[in-house]
Amino acid sequence: MDSLSRAVVLVSGRGRNLQALLAARAAGTLPLNITRVITNRPGIPALDIAARASVPGTVLQPKGFSSRAAFDAELARHVAAENPDWVVLAGYMRILDSAFVQQFAGRLVNIHPSLLPRHRGLDTHRRALAAGDARHGATVHLVTADLDAGPGILQGSIAVAAQDTPTSLADRVMHQVETRIYPQALGWLASGRVDFADGRVRMDNRPLEAPIHVDCDST
């Protein structure tokens, strides 16, 4: 494991993307050593998933800190202690302050449940249905100080069904899209196929004009 890229995963919930990353690592398709999982919520399923994979977990809650900046500074200290090549947001439901983002710039990765730049922010599945979107999905992107505006790496989409509700659409995007494209994109980053230079994402040393897109309907 020592020769692999190192990653810390930040998570707030069920840990389905974390599970997909750990499964890909175990299968040998993701050259990434997840050294620690950090959460802001105690008792979540993601901690059990990490424990079953022998990945240490840390709970760091905002309560007791004087400010968001103070909490994020402590979070940054815990992350930096792992000496990570990548900081992976896998359903981490807090907006990180600019100092944190700047400290880990170029190695902070997120998956957002929409086809960015459509539907930045929260409640993306309801908004996609309300807008009458024919396709919906998720985007893996690098994180910048602007919310959900960092350069994209990989997108996946599925057709929106007439009977979809926000809940059913969210479940389908998670299972058909997110758990497929996040290990793929992180594999590209960890292996060096994708990098970030001069404010642009490059793949195989060529700038990406837009995120690579995959059709996930058959998944």
Protein backbone atom coordinates (compact mmCIF):
# COMPACT_ATOMS: atom_id res chain seq x y z
CA MET A 1 0.00 0.00 0.00
CA ASP A 2 2.86 2.41 0.67
CA SER A 3 3.48 2.98 -3.05
CA LEU A 4 -0.10 4.01 -3.69
CA SER A 5 -1.51 7.51 -3.58
CA ARG A 6 -2.91 8.36 -0.16
CA ALA A 7 -6.42 9.68 0.40
CA VAL A 8 -8.56 10.93 3.27
CA VAL A 9 -12.32 10.62 2.76
CA LEU A 10 -14.74 13.10 4.35
CA VAL A 11 -18.30 11.81 4.72
CA SER A 12 -21.50 12.71 6.55
CA GLY A 13 -23.96 9.92 5.80
CA ARG A 14 -24.59 6.39 4.64
CA GLY A 15 -21.25 5.96 2.92
CA ARG A 16 -22.39 4.42 -0.36
CA ASN A 17 -19.68 6.17 -2.37
CA LEU A 18 -17.15 5.28 0.30
CA GLN A 19 -18.22 1.65 -0.04
CA ALA A 20 -17.75 1.82 -3.81
CA LEU A 21 -14.26 3.28 -3.41
CA LEU A 22 -13.24 0.64 -0.88
CA ALA A 23 -14.62 -2.12 -3.10
CA ALA A 24 -12.66 -0.80 -6.08
CA ARG A 25 -9.53 -0.60 -3.94
CA ALA A 26 -10.02 -4.19 -2.75
CA ALA A 27 -10.56 -5.35 -6.34
CA GLY A 28 -7.31 -3.72 -7.42
CA THR A 29 -8.98 -1.28 -9.82
CA LEU A 30 -8.39 1.84 -7.71
CA PRO A 31 -4.73 2.57 -6.93
CA LEU A 32 -5.57 4.56 -3.83
CA ASN A 33 -4.81 3.90 -0.18
CA ILE A 34 -7.64 5.36 1.92
CA THR A 35 -5.81 6.05 5.17
CA ARG A 36 -8.63 7.61 7.19
CA VAL A 37 -12.33 8.44 7.08
CA ILE A 38 -13.40 11.64 8.85
CA THR A 39 -17.00 12.56 9.61
CA ASN A 40 -18.84 15.38 11.34
CA ARG A 41 -21.61 13.01 12.50
CA PRO A 42 -21.18 10.20 15.04
CA GLY A 43 -22.82 6.82 14.58
CA ILE A 44 -23.28 6.95 10.83
CA PRO A 45 -23.14 3.81 8.63
CA ALA A 46 -20.04 5.12 6.87
CA LEU A 47 -18.01 4.54 10.04
CA ASP A 48 -19.07 0.89 10.09
CA ILE A 49 -18.13 0.56 6.42
CA ALA A 50 -14.69 2.01 7.16
CA ALA A 51 -14.20 -0.26 10.17
CA ARG A 52 -15.04 -3.39 8.18
CA ALA A 53 -12.34 -2.36 5.71
CA SER A 54 -9.84 -1.72 8.54
CA VAL A 55 -9.75 2.00 7.76
CA PRO A 56 -9.56 4.17 10.90
CA GLY A 57 -12.40 6.62 11.42
CA THR A 58 -12.45 9.99 13.18
CA VAL A 59 -15.52 11.89 14.36
CA LEU A 60 -15.01 15.65 14.49
CA GLN A 61 -18.17 17.58 15.36
CA PRO A 62 -18.68 21.33 14.88
CA LYS A 63 -20.20 21.84 18.33
CA GLY A 64 -17.74 23.28 20.79
CA PHE A 65 -15.90 25.33 18.19
CA SER A 66 -16.16 29.11 18.31
CA SER A 67 -16.66 29.48 14.56
CA ARG A 68 -16.85 27.64 11.28
CA ALA A 69 -13.29 28.79 10.55
CA ALA A 70 -12.05 27.31 13.83
CA PHE A 71 -13.73 23.99 13.06
CA ASP A 72 -12.35 23.87 9.52
CA ALA A 73 -8.86 24.68 10.82
CA GLU A 74 -9.05 21.69 13.15
CA LEU A 75 -10.41 19.54 10.34
CA ALA A 76 -7.50 20.65 8.16
CA ARG A 77 -5.07 19.66 10.91
CA HIS A 78 -6.53 16.15 11.06
CA VAL A 79 -6.48 15.81 7.27
CA ALA A 80 -2.93 17.14 6.90
CA ALA A 81 -1.70 14.67 9.55
CA GLU A 82 -2.43 11.88 7.05
CA ASN A 83 -0.17 13.50 4.42
CA PRO A 84 -2.79 12.86 1.72
CA ASP A 85 -2.33 13.13 -2.01
CA TRP A 86 -6.12 13.48 -2.30
CA VAL A 87 -8.90 14.73 -0.06
CA VAL A 88 -12.10 13.04 -1.20
CA LEU A 89 -15.54 14.43 -0.38
CA ALA A 90 -18.06 11.58 -0.41
CA GLY A 91 -21.32 13.10 0.73
CA TYR A 92 -19.69 15.54 3.16
CA MET A 93 -22.56 17.89 3.96
CA ARG A 94 -20.66 20.95 5.11
CA ILE A 95 -19.38 23.78 2.96
CA LEU A 96 -15.63 24.06 3.49
CA ASP A 97 -14.22 27.52 4.09
CA SER A 98 -11.80 29.16 1.68
CA ALA A 99 -8.75 28.57 3.90
CA PHE A 100 -9.37 24.80 3.86
CA VAL A 101 -9.95 24.78 0.12
CA GLN A 102 -6.79 26.80 -0.48
CA GLN A 103 -4.68 24.52 1.74
CA PHE A 104 -5.66 21.46 -0.29
CA ALA A 105 -6.13 23.14 -3.66
CA GLY A 106 -5.63 20.85 -6.62
CA ARG A 107 -6.13 17.69 -4.55
CA LEU A 108 -9.63 18.26 -3.17
CA VAL A 109 -12.21 16.21 -5.08
CA ASN A 110 -16.00 16.10 -4.86
CA ILE A 111 -18.90 14.29 -6.51
CA HIS A 112 -22.01 16.43 -7.00
CA PRO A 113 -25.41 14.90 -7.84
CA SER A 114 -26.17 16.86 -10.99
CA LEU A 115 -24.80 17.49 -14.45
CA LEU A 116 -22.88 20.62 -13.59
CA PRO A 117 -23.16 23.49 -14.24
CA ARG A 118 -26.87 22.64 -13.91
CA HIS A 119 -28.28 22.54 -10.39
CA ARG A 120 -25.45 23.63 -8.18
CA GLY A 121 -26.12 23.39 -4.45
CA LEU A 122 -28.74 21.29 -2.69
CA ASP A 123 -31.97 19.50 -3.62
CA THR A 124 -30.71 18.69 -7.10
CA HIS A 125 -33.06 15.78 -7.85
CA ARG A 126 -36.23 17.73 -7.12
CA ARG A 127 -34.90 20.64 -9.16
CA ALA A 128 -34.06 18.39 -12.11
CA LEU A 129 -37.61 17.02 -12.10
CA ALA A 130 -39.13 20.48 -11.75
CA ALA A 131 -37.06 21.69 -14.70
CA GLY A 132 -38.21 18.80 -16.85
CA ASP A 133 -34.67 17.56 -17.45
CA ALA A 134 -34.57 14.58 -19.79
CA ARG A 135 -31.30 13.35 -18.26
CA HIS A 136 -29.82 13.72 -14.83
CA GLY A 137 -26.70 12.42 -13.16
CA ALA A 138 -23.56 13.37 -11.29
CA THR A 139 -20.25 15.15 -11.82
CA VAL A 140 -16.82 14.50 -10.33
CA HIS A 141 -14.94 17.76 -10.05
CA LEU A 142 -12.08 19.46 -8.29
CA VAL A 143 -13.16 21.80 -5.51
CA THR A 144 -12.58 25.54 -5.64
CA ALA A 145 -13.78 28.37 -3.42
CA ASP A 146 -16.90 28.79 -5.60
CA LEU A 147 -19.57 26.24 -4.65
CA ASP A 148 -19.81 23.36 -7.15
CA ALA A 149 -17.93 25.41 -9.74
CA GLY A 150 -14.56 23.68 -9.86
CA PRO A 151 -13.32 22.09 -13.08
CA GLY A 152 -15.10 18.88 -13.98
CA ILE A 153 -13.41 15.56 -14.69
CA LEU A 154 -16.14 13.01 -15.35
CA GLN A 155 -19.93 13.04 -15.65
CA GLY A 156 -22.41 10.20 -15.85
CA SER A 157 -26.10 10.43 -16.68
CA ILE A 158 -29.28 8.39 -16.85
CA ALA A 159 -32.63 9.08 -18.50
CA VAL A 160 -35.23 10.59 -16.17
CA ALA A 161 -38.27 8.30 -16.02
CA ALA A 162 -41.84 9.60 -16.11
CA GLN A 163 -42.56 7.93 -12.77
CA ASP A 164 -39.45 9.26 -11.01
CA THR A 165 -39.78 11.05 -7.70
CA PRO A 166 -36.92 12.97 -6.08
CA THR A 167 -36.26 9.92 -3.88
CA SER A 168 -36.29 7.36 -6.68
CA LEU A 169 -34.18 9.57 -8.91
CA ALA A 170 -31.67 10.13 -6.11
CA ASP A 171 -31.40 6.38 -5.54
CA ARG A 172 -30.92 5.64 -9.23
CA VAL A 173 -28.28 8.35 -9.63
CA MET A 174 -26.41 7.00 -6.62
CA HIS A 175 -26.47 3.35 -7.68
CA GLN A 176 -26.17 3.72 -11.46
CA VAL A 177 -23.97 6.80 -11.72
CA GLU A 178 -22.13 7.95 -8.62
CA THR A 179 -20.78 4.59 -7.47
CA ARG A 180 -19.57 3.96 -11.03
CA ILE A 181 -17.92 7.24 -11.94
CA TYR A 182 -16.28 8.18 -8.63
CA PRO A 183 -13.89 5.20 -8.53
CA GLN A 184 -13.17 5.75 -12.23
CA ALA A 185 -12.30 9.43 -11.88
CA LEU A 186 -10.25 8.91 -8.73
CA GLY A 187 -8.41 6.10 -10.46
CA TRP A 188 -7.44 8.51 -13.24
CA LEU A 189 -6.23 11.05 -10.68
CA ALA A 190 -4.34 8.53 -8.58
CA SER A 191 -2.61 7.00 -11.61
CA GLY A 192 -1.64 10.40 -13.02
CA ARG A 193 -3.77 10.17 -16.17
CA VAL A 194 -5.67 13.24 -15.02
CA ASP A 195 -3.97 16.23 -13.46
CA PHE A 196 -4.61 19.90 -12.79
CA ALA A 197 -2.29 22.57 -14.16
CA ASP A 198 -2.67 26.29 -14.91
CA GLY A 199 -6.25 26.24 -13.70
CA ARG A 200 -7.31 23.48 -16.10
CA VAL A 201 -7.90 19.77 -15.88
CA ARG A 202 -5.79 17.69 -18.27
CA MET A 203 -6.16 14.08 -19.31
CA ASP A 204 -3.14 12.34 -20.81
CA ASN A 205 -1.49 15.79 -20.96
CA ARG A 206 -4.30 17.30 -23.03
CA PRO A 207 -6.68 19.92 -21.60
CA LEU A 208 -10.25 18.78 -21.06
CA GLU A 209 -12.60 21.31 -22.61
CA ALA A 210 -15.51 19.68 -20.73
CA PRO A 211 -15.92 16.76 -18.37
CA ILE A 212 -15.82 13.34 -20.00
CA HIS A 213 -19.36 11.98 -20.16
CA VAL A 214 -20.55 8.39 -19.81
CA ASP A 215 -24.05 7.04 -20.39
CA CYS A 216 -24.99 4.96 -17.35
CA ASP A 217 -28.46 3.80 -18.40
CA SER A 218 -27.30 0.21 -18.84
CA THR A 219 -25.52 -0.01 -15.48
